[in-house]
Protein backbone atom coordinates (compact mmCIF):
# COMPACT_ATOMS: atom_id res chain seq x y z
CA MET A 1 -107.15 234.46 -62.91
CA LYS A 2 -103.91 235.76 -64.25
CA GLN A 3 -103.69 232.84 -66.65
CA ILE A 4 -107.25 233.62 -67.91
CA LYS A 5 -106.40 237.19 -68.51
CA TYR A 6 -103.17 236.24 -70.38
CA LEU A 7 -105.09 233.86 -72.75
CA SER A 8 -107.85 236.40 -73.41
CA PHE A 9 -105.19 238.79 -74.60
CA ILE A 10 -104.24 236.46 -77.50
CA PRO A 11 -107.10 237.48 -79.85
CA PHE A 12 -106.01 241.12 -79.35
CA LEU A 13 -102.46 240.25 -80.35
CA ALA A 14 -103.63 238.45 -83.40
CA LEU A 15 -105.96 241.38 -84.40
CA LEU A 16 -103.05 243.80 -83.78
CA CYS A 17 -100.82 241.59 -86.16
CA LEU A 18 -103.44 241.53 -88.84
CA MET A 19 -103.88 245.29 -88.66
CA THR A 20 -100.22 246.10 -88.76
CA GLY A 21 -99.26 243.27 -91.13
CA CYS A 22 -96.38 241.91 -88.92
CA GLU A 23 -94.10 243.11 -91.80
CA ASN A 24 -90.84 242.47 -89.97
CA ASP A 25 -91.52 238.83 -88.89
CA LYS A 26 -91.97 236.28 -91.77
CA ASP A 27 -92.51 233.46 -89.40
CA VAL A 28 -95.51 235.28 -87.78
CA TYR A 29 -96.58 236.61 -91.16
CA TYR A 30 -96.90 233.05 -92.46
CA PRO A 31 -98.31 231.28 -89.36
CA TYR A 32 -100.41 229.00 -91.71
CA VAL A 33 -100.83 228.16 -95.40
CA ASN A 34 -104.13 227.61 -97.11
CA VAL A 35 -103.52 228.02 -100.88
CA PRO A 36 -103.16 224.71 -102.67
CA LEU A 37 -100.42 224.72 -105.39
CA THR A 38 -99.73 222.18 -108.10
CA THR A 39 -96.55 221.41 -105.98
CA HIS A 40 -95.14 222.71 -102.77
CA ASN A 41 -91.62 221.16 -103.35
CA PRO A 42 -90.67 222.06 -106.97
CA LEU A 43 -87.33 220.97 -108.39
CA LEU A 44 -85.70 222.95 -111.23
CA VAL A 45 -82.43 222.86 -113.08
CA GLU A 46 -80.25 225.84 -113.88
CA GLY A 47 -82.03 228.29 -116.16
CA GLU A 48 -85.30 226.40 -116.22
CA VAL A 49 -88.68 228.20 -115.97
CA LEU A 50 -91.39 226.29 -114.08
CA HIS A 51 -95.13 227.20 -113.98
CA ILE A 52 -96.78 226.45 -110.65
CA GLY A 53 -100.63 226.65 -110.61
CA ILE A 54 -102.41 228.57 -107.84
CA GLY A 55 -105.57 226.70 -106.75
CA LEU A 56 -107.36 229.46 -104.93
CA ASP A 57 -108.74 232.80 -106.15
CA GLY A 58 -107.12 235.70 -104.25
CA VAL A 59 -106.81 239.42 -104.09
CA ASN A 60 -103.64 240.93 -105.44
CA TYR A 61 -101.30 237.89 -105.09
CA ARG A 62 -97.70 238.60 -104.70
CA VAL A 63 -94.67 236.32 -104.31
CA GLU A 64 -91.09 236.64 -103.03
CA SER A 65 -88.04 234.44 -102.90
CA ASP A 66 -85.76 234.26 -99.88
CA ASN A 67 -82.80 233.92 -102.21
CA GLU A 68 -83.14 235.31 -105.61
CA ASP A 69 -79.67 233.96 -106.56
CA VAL A 70 -81.17 230.53 -106.35
CA VAL A 71 -84.58 231.21 -107.78
CA THR A 72 -86.62 234.20 -108.86
CA ALA A 73 -90.47 234.24 -108.71
CA GLU A 74 -93.36 236.21 -110.12
CA VAL A 75 -97.13 235.93 -110.39
CA VAL A 76 -98.59 235.82 -113.82
CA GLY A 77 -102.41 235.35 -113.83
CA ASN A 78 -103.19 232.24 -111.71
CA GLU A 79 -99.63 230.84 -111.89
CA ILE A 80 -96.30 231.37 -110.27
CA LEU A 81 -93.33 231.51 -112.61
CA LEU A 82 -90.16 230.21 -111.10
CA THR A 83 -86.78 230.67 -112.84
CA GLY A 84 -83.83 228.55 -111.64
CA GLY A 85 -80.57 230.31 -110.94
CA ASP A 86 -77.64 229.08 -108.82
CA ILE A 87 -77.65 225.49 -107.50
CA GLY A 88 -79.12 225.39 -104.00
CA SER A 89 -82.47 225.67 -102.20
CA THR A 90 -84.64 228.39 -100.76
CA ILE A 91 -88.19 229.26 -99.68
CA VAL A 92 -90.68 231.03 -101.91
CA ARG A 93 -93.65 232.72 -100.25
CA LEU A 94 -97.01 233.52 -101.78
CA SER A 95 -99.55 235.93 -100.15
CA ASP A 96 -102.40 238.27 -101.06
CA ASP A 97 -104.47 241.11 -99.47
CA SER A 98 -106.91 238.54 -97.99
CA TYR A 99 -104.18 236.81 -96.05
CA ASN A 100 -104.21 233.76 -98.20
CA ARG A 101 -100.85 232.08 -97.78
CA ALA A 102 -98.56 229.41 -99.43
CA LEU A 103 -95.03 228.28 -99.05
CA MET A 104 -92.78 226.36 -101.38
CA THR A 105 -89.33 224.81 -100.75
CA VAL A 106 -87.55 225.13 -104.08
CA GLU A 107 -84.43 223.22 -105.10
CA VAL A 108 -82.29 224.03 -108.08
CA ARG A 109 -79.95 221.28 -109.38
CA LYS A 110 -77.55 220.90 -112.20
CA LEU A 111 -78.99 219.36 -115.32
CA GLN A 112 -77.76 215.73 -115.60
CA GLU A 113 -77.70 213.10 -118.20
CA LEU A 114 -79.71 210.05 -117.36
CA THR A 115 -77.59 206.99 -116.76
CA LEU A 116 -78.47 203.42 -115.60
CA GLU A 117 -76.38 200.88 -113.86
CA SER A 118 -73.96 199.27 -116.32
CA LEU A 119 -74.41 195.67 -117.57
CA PRO A 120 -71.60 193.17 -117.08
CA GLU A 121 -68.67 193.58 -119.43
CA GLY A 122 -69.31 192.04 -122.85
CA VAL A 123 -73.15 191.95 -122.34
CA GLU A 124 -75.06 194.21 -124.75
CA VAL A 125 -78.48 192.67 -124.29
CA LEU A 126 -79.86 191.99 -120.88
CA ARG A 127 -81.40 188.47 -120.52
CA LEU A 128 -84.41 187.63 -118.32
CA ASP A 129 -85.95 184.26 -117.45
CA ASN A 130 -89.57 183.93 -118.72
CA ASP A 131 -90.93 182.63 -115.45
CA GLY A 132 -90.62 185.96 -113.64
CA VAL A 133 -89.19 184.32 -110.52
CA ILE A 134 -85.95 186.35 -110.71
CA LEU A 135 -86.44 190.14 -111.09
CA ARG A 136 -83.57 192.28 -112.34
CA GLU A 137 -82.89 195.66 -110.72
CA MET A 138 -81.15 198.50 -112.56
CA LYS A 139 -80.26 201.52 -110.43
CA ILE A 140 -80.73 204.99 -111.87
CA LEU A 141 -77.33 206.44 -111.19
CA THR A 142 -77.85 209.98 -112.45
CA GLY A 143 -80.94 211.92 -113.74
CA ASN A 144 -83.30 214.79 -113.04
CA GLY A 145 -86.24 213.09 -111.30
CA GLY A 146 -89.76 212.50 -112.47
CA TYR A 147 -88.96 209.16 -114.11
CA THR A 148 -91.24 207.25 -116.51
CA VAL A 149 -90.63 204.01 -118.37
CA THR A 150 -91.74 202.94 -121.85
CA ASN A 151 -91.70 199.22 -122.86
CA SER A 152 -91.79 197.95 -126.46
CA ALA A 153 -92.96 194.46 -125.32
CA PRO A 154 -95.18 194.71 -122.25
CA GLU A 155 -96.63 191.32 -123.11
CA ALA A 156 -93.24 189.82 -122.52
CA ILE A 157 -91.54 192.12 -119.94
CA SER A 158 -92.74 193.92 -116.83
CA ALA A 159 -91.01 197.24 -116.23
CA GLU A 160 -91.53 199.75 -113.44
CA ILE A 161 -89.69 202.57 -111.65
CA VAL A 162 -89.61 202.33 -107.80
CA GLU A 163 -87.86 204.32 -105.06
CA ASP A 164 -84.53 202.82 -104.07
CA PRO A 165 -84.56 202.31 -100.24
CA ASP A 166 -80.73 202.12 -100.16
CA VAL A 167 -80.33 205.64 -101.71
CA THR A 168 -81.99 208.78 -100.40
CA GLY A 169 -83.94 210.30 -103.28
CA GLY A 170 -82.78 207.43 -105.45
CA TYR A 171 -84.85 205.31 -107.88
CA LYS A 172 -84.35 202.00 -109.75
CA LEU A 173 -85.81 200.15 -112.70
CA ILE A 174 -87.38 196.69 -111.93
CA LEU A 175 -87.59 194.26 -114.86
CA GLY A 176 -89.15 190.84 -115.01
CA GLY A 177 -89.69 188.29 -117.82
CA LYS A 178 -93.14 186.94 -118.72
CA ALA A 179 -92.75 185.47 -122.18
CA ASN A 180 -89.96 184.76 -124.67
CA VAL A 181 -88.99 187.63 -126.86
CA ASP A 182 -85.85 187.97 -129.09
CA GLN A 183 -85.33 191.63 -128.17
CA ALA A 184 -87.24 194.44 -126.72
CA THR A 185 -86.46 198.05 -125.85
CA ILE A 186 -86.89 199.64 -122.39
CA THR A 187 -86.58 203.40 -122.18
CA VAL A 188 -86.35 205.45 -119.05
CA THR A 189 -87.09 209.17 -119.39
CA ASP A 190 -86.82 211.90 -116.70
CA SER A 191 -88.65 215.21 -116.17
CA ARG A 192 -86.05 217.06 -118.31
CA ASN A 193 -86.53 214.75 -121.23
CA LYS A 194 -83.21 212.99 -120.71
CA SER A 195 -83.44 209.27 -121.45
CA ALA A 196 -81.54 206.02 -121.33
CA THR A 197 -82.33 202.86 -123.35
CA LEU A 198 -81.81 199.25 -122.47
CA LYS A 199 -82.08 196.24 -124.78
CA VAL A 200 -83.72 193.14 -123.19
CA ARG A 201 -84.49 189.59 -124.30
CA VAL A 202 -86.50 186.87 -122.50
CA THR A 203 -85.68 183.17 -122.72
CA ASN A 204 -86.33 179.94 -120.87
CA PRO A 205 -84.48 179.77 -117.62
CA ILE A 206 -80.74 179.20 -117.96
CA ARG A 207 -79.44 175.67 -117.38
CA PRO A 208 -75.96 175.11 -116.00
CA VAL A 209 -73.39 173.31 -118.21
CA LEU A 210 -72.83 169.80 -116.96
CA PHE A 211 -70.78 166.82 -118.17
CA ASP A 212 -71.14 163.09 -117.83
CA LYS A 213 -67.56 163.02 -116.33
CA GLU A 214 -66.28 164.70 -113.25
CA GLY A 215 -62.85 165.08 -111.60
CA THR A 216 -59.63 165.06 -113.59
CA LEU A 217 -59.42 163.20 -116.82
CA GLU A 218 -56.27 161.00 -117.20
CA GLY A 219 -54.71 160.65 -120.63
CA GLU A 220 -51.70 158.97 -122.29
CA TYR A 221 -49.30 160.67 -124.69
CA VAL A 222 -48.37 158.23 -127.47
CA TYR A 223 -44.92 159.07 -128.93
CA GLU A 224 -44.73 158.44 -132.63
CA GLY A 225 -47.97 156.52 -132.67
CA THR A 226 -51.75 157.07 -133.10
CA PRO A 227 -52.86 159.72 -130.63
CA GLN A 228 -55.19 158.75 -127.87
CA GLN A 229 -58.66 160.22 -127.98
CA ILE A 230 -61.01 160.76 -125.06
CA SER A 231 -64.65 161.69 -125.29
CA PHE A 232 -67.20 163.10 -122.83
CA ASN A 233 -70.71 164.38 -123.25
CA ILE A 234 -72.50 167.54 -122.38
CA THR A 235 -75.55 166.54 -120.32
CA SER A 236 -77.00 170.02 -119.58
CA GLY A 237 -76.62 173.47 -121.08
CA ASN A 238 -78.26 176.04 -123.47
CA GLY A 239 -76.93 175.07 -126.85
CA GLY A 240 -74.54 176.80 -129.15
CA TYR A 241 -71.50 175.22 -127.57
CA THR A 242 -67.81 176.01 -128.22
CA VAL A 243 -64.86 174.20 -126.65
CA LYS A 244 -61.36 175.32 -125.87
CA SER A 245 -58.14 173.71 -124.57
CA LEU A 246 -56.04 175.90 -122.43
CA ASN A 247 -52.82 174.11 -123.56
CA GLU A 248 -52.96 172.78 -127.11
CA GLY A 249 -49.40 171.41 -126.78
CA VAL A 250 -51.08 168.81 -124.46
CA ALA A 251 -54.45 168.20 -126.08
CA THR A 252 -56.67 169.55 -128.89
CA VAL A 253 -60.43 169.47 -128.70
CA ALA A 254 -63.42 169.25 -131.09
CA ILE A 255 -67.15 169.19 -130.51
CA SER A 256 -69.92 167.51 -132.50
CA GLY A 257 -73.41 168.11 -131.06
CA THR A 258 -72.95 167.61 -127.38
CA THR A 259 -69.96 165.24 -127.62
CA VAL A 260 -66.54 166.64 -126.93
CA THR A 261 -63.51 164.80 -128.28
CA VAL A 262 -60.10 165.34 -126.81
CA THR A 263 -56.97 164.30 -128.76
CA VAL A 264 -53.80 163.94 -126.56
CA VAL A 265 -50.89 165.33 -128.43
CA GLY A 266 -48.39 165.81 -125.58
CA ASP A 267 -47.70 165.24 -121.87
CA GLY A 268 -48.60 167.69 -119.13
CA GLY A 269 -51.80 169.30 -118.07
CA THR A 270 -54.51 171.32 -119.66
CA THR A 271 -58.01 172.67 -118.88
CA ILE A 272 -60.88 172.04 -121.25
CA THR A 273 -63.65 174.62 -121.17
CA VAL A 274 -67.12 174.37 -122.82
CA THR A 275 -69.11 177.63 -123.15
CA ASP A 276 -72.75 177.90 -124.45
CA GLN A 277 -74.58 180.60 -126.17
CA GLU A 278 -75.70 182.09 -122.90
CA LYS A 279 -72.08 182.46 -121.68
CA GLU A 280 -72.55 179.60 -119.20
CA SER A 281 -69.37 177.49 -119.01
CA ARG A 282 -67.87 174.55 -117.31
CA SER A 283 -64.30 173.21 -117.18
CA ILE A 284 -62.57 169.91 -116.64
CA ASP A 285 -58.86 169.27 -116.15
CA LEU A 286 -56.83 166.71 -118.14
CA TRP A 287 -53.54 165.31 -116.93
CA VAL A 288 -51.10 163.33 -119.03
CA PRO A 289 -48.16 161.79 -117.25
CA LEU A 290 -44.62 162.23 -118.52
CA ASN A 291 -43.81 160.13 -121.62
CA LEU A 292 -40.40 158.41 -121.13
CA ASP A 293 -39.91 157.60 -124.91
CA ASP A 294 -40.03 161.17 -126.22
CA PRO A 295 -36.49 162.67 -125.84
CA THR A 296 -37.59 166.28 -126.72
CA PRO A 297 -36.28 168.65 -124.04
CA ARG A 298 -39.38 170.16 -122.46
CA ILE A 299 -41.01 171.42 -119.23
CA TYR A 300 -44.43 171.41 -117.84
CA TRP A 301 -45.22 173.31 -114.57
CA ASP A 302 -48.40 174.85 -113.32
CA GLY A 303 -49.97 175.35 -116.75
CA TYR A 304 -46.80 176.43 -118.44
CA ARG A 305 -45.52 173.92 -121.11
CA ALA A 306 -42.68 174.70 -123.49
CA ASP A 307 -39.76 173.11 -125.24
CA ILE A 308 -36.27 173.77 -123.63
CA ASN A 309 -33.67 175.13 -125.93
CA THR A 310 -31.03 175.70 -123.32
CA ALA A 311 -28.72 172.76 -122.62
CA GLY A 312 -27.62 171.92 -119.18
CA VAL A 313 -23.88 172.32 -118.30
CA SER A 314 -21.82 170.33 -115.75
CA SER A 315 -18.20 169.96 -114.90
CA THR A 316 -16.64 166.54 -115.28
CA GLY A 317 -17.10 164.74 -112.00
CA SER A 318 -18.06 161.53 -110.27
CA TYR A 319 -21.21 159.39 -109.93
CA ALA A 320 -23.04 161.94 -107.77
CA THR A 321 -22.09 165.17 -109.59
CA PRO A 322 -24.63 167.96 -108.83
CA LYS A 323 -26.87 168.71 -111.75
CA ASP A 324 -27.82 172.39 -112.35
CA MET A 325 -30.45 172.93 -115.04
CA TYR A 326 -31.72 176.43 -115.96
CA TRP A 327 -33.99 177.78 -118.70
CA TYR A 328 -36.28 180.75 -119.15
CA GLN A 329 -39.40 181.99 -120.95
CA GLN A 330 -39.18 185.51 -122.31
CA LYS A 331 -42.28 187.67 -121.94
CA GLY A 332 -41.47 191.03 -123.39
CA GLU A 333 -38.99 192.71 -121.01
CA VAL A 334 -39.81 190.01 -118.30
CA LYS A 335 -37.81 186.85 -118.09
CA ASP A 336 -39.52 183.97 -116.11
CA THR A 337 -36.86 181.54 -115.05
CA TYR A 338 -36.96 177.89 -113.98
CA TYR A 339 -34.06 176.15 -112.22
CA VAL A 340 -33.64 172.57 -110.99
CA TYR A 341 -30.84 171.08 -108.84
CA PHE A 342 -30.16 167.68 -107.38
CA ASN A 343 -27.31 165.35 -106.64
CA GLY A 344 -27.65 162.93 -109.62
CA GLY A 345 -27.04 159.24 -110.02
CA TRP A 346 -27.32 156.57 -112.62
CA ALA A 347 -30.35 154.70 -111.33
CA ASN A 348 -33.72 155.07 -113.03
CA ASN A 349 -36.86 155.66 -110.98
CA LEU A 350 -34.81 157.39 -108.23
CA ASN A 351 -36.89 159.45 -105.82
CA CYS A 352 -34.72 162.19 -104.46
CA VAL A 353 -37.14 163.42 -101.82
CA ASN A 354 -35.97 162.62 -98.33
CA ALA A 355 -33.08 160.60 -99.70
CA ALA A 356 -29.64 161.06 -98.25
CA ASN A 357 -27.34 163.66 -100.12
CA ARG A 358 -29.74 164.14 -102.97
CA ASN A 359 -30.88 167.64 -101.93
CA PRO A 360 -33.57 168.17 -104.61
CA LYS A 361 -34.58 171.72 -105.37
CA PHE A 362 -36.88 173.26 -107.84
CA GLU A 363 -37.07 177.10 -108.12
CA THR A 364 -39.12 179.50 -110.27
CA THR A 365 -39.05 183.26 -110.79
CA ILE A 366 -42.24 184.27 -112.34
CA ASN A 367 -43.22 187.98 -112.65
CA ASP A 368 -40.24 188.78 -110.41
CA THR A 369 -41.55 186.50 -107.62
CA LYS A 370 -39.16 183.73 -106.64
CA THR A 371 -40.47 180.49 -105.17
CA SER A 372 -38.27 177.61 -104.02
CA TYR A 373 -39.47 174.00 -103.50
CA THR A 374 -37.23 171.61 -101.49
CA ASP A 375 -37.87 168.58 -99.29
CA LYS A 376 -36.73 170.45 -96.19
CA ALA A 377 -38.96 171.54 -93.40
CA ALA A 378 -38.11 175.19 -93.99
CA SER A 379 -39.59 175.09 -97.51
CA ALA A 380 -42.72 177.17 -97.75
CA VAL A 381 -44.18 174.45 -100.06
CA LYS A 382 -42.42 171.14 -99.79
CA LEU A 383 -41.53 168.71 -102.61
CA THR A 384 -43.37 165.43 -102.18
CA GLU A 385 -41.91 163.86 -105.26
CA PHE A 386 -38.71 164.59 -107.21
CA ILE A 387 -38.16 161.49 -109.21
CA LEU A 388 -35.32 160.77 -111.71
CA GLU A 389 -37.67 158.70 -113.88
CA LYS A 390 -35.08 157.76 -116.56
CA ARG A 391 -31.72 158.72 -117.90
CA ILE A 392 -30.53 158.23 -121.43
CA GLY A 393 -26.83 158.01 -122.07
CA THR A 394 -23.80 156.06 -121.03
CA GLY A 395 -20.37 156.80 -119.65
CA PRO A 396 -19.16 159.35 -117.13
CA THR A 397 -21.22 162.51 -116.29
CA SER A 398 -19.07 164.47 -118.73
CA HIS A 399 -20.84 162.67 -121.63
CA PRO A 400 -24.26 163.77 -123.05
CA HIS A 401 -27.31 162.47 -121.20
CA ILE A 402 -31.02 163.13 -121.19
CA TYR A 403 -32.77 163.33 -117.74
CA PHE A 404 -36.51 162.65 -117.33
CA ILE A 405 -37.60 164.18 -114.01
CA SER A 406 -41.12 164.39 -112.53
CA LEU A 407 -42.23 166.74 -109.74
CA LYS A 408 -45.09 167.02 -107.21
CA THR A 409 -45.51 169.52 -104.46
CA GLU A 410 -47.41 169.53 -101.18
CA ASP A 411 -50.06 171.83 -102.61
CA GLY A 412 -50.96 169.28 -105.33
CA LYS A 413 -49.11 170.83 -108.32
CA ARG A 414 -47.51 168.36 -110.81
CA GLY A 415 -44.88 168.86 -113.43
CA PHE A 416 -41.90 167.43 -115.24
CA ILE A 417 -38.61 168.23 -116.85
CA VAL A 418 -36.91 166.57 -119.78
CA HIS A 419 -33.45 168.05 -120.18
CA ARG A 420 -30.31 167.41 -122.24
CA TRP A 421 -27.07 167.42 -120.31
CA ASN A 422 -23.53 168.22 -121.45
CA GLU A 423 -24.30 168.60 -125.12
């Protein structure tokens, strides 16, 4: 019986609240909302005035903001006028003499420029495949909400704005290709009339660049004779081909249609790269062994090929006088150095690796990083070949000689040195 009496008292409390207005308790004063508005969660930027429609006739509507520093509000006719102030959020409450009620959560943000996710460096026009299998997503990084998209070629490109599930309150632009078009314009605009434009083209699906040869090409440097030429064909790609040799001191390249012609002009290694009009590319390596007829002092190591202008120096000695050879490549204020040492000899085709008393060593200092290659177990990367291929010159070690030395390391790098001695 006590519970029944308590419940029967509720209508009396409600009547009392209605009679007194419950002016000191907003949570009780707004126990329900019944007035439809054009939006109950408006978003403004600083200084903006927003009109909110009131969807129910009332008696003497009035409105108040919980924080007038963030937003001020007034009723004008059948609208609520909100004026954005400081950045933040607050509650705006609408009521009238007939106890009609409405609440709005109002947020004021800083006005932002509309920016999309950047395209890869060097790409000015986004390319899409015409089969629509692969869609391209572009995140909207900054903006003011209420995004719409316009498309200059809807017959060739699909474009829509969707919510980004990875970013709270975020959106992204989804693009797909339907038919080939040289160039179209996609424009995203937000509720504050800020916009960003993207250029798009649609083509057939991209094909990878492929050759009819794989692996490493082997060439021959002909000294004072007709240069060797090697050809290979492009079997797949997207047209508009260009070709480049990484080291033109080893080989030059030319292209005719889909045929690449390589002309060997020196010994050493290079990489030949073919790039098509869609920026697809493929590379193939060329290795040209040391030529033992060309006496020009030179070095090739790990892509670096240069003539050597620094003569080696040795004291007069016996058959196995140590040979110290040193040279450098100047790069601005940085000096890359290369150094080779071994106990010499007169024999040609002499492999110094793991041979008694030869002690081969090749050392580089590149970008201030020193690396030593020896045939010892302690070497971080061991020499697997250090061959005195040929020596030109007669007489004791104090006389001028030219040494032809080839190198190979455990990690697969190859190189050579041709060096004048005691000149």
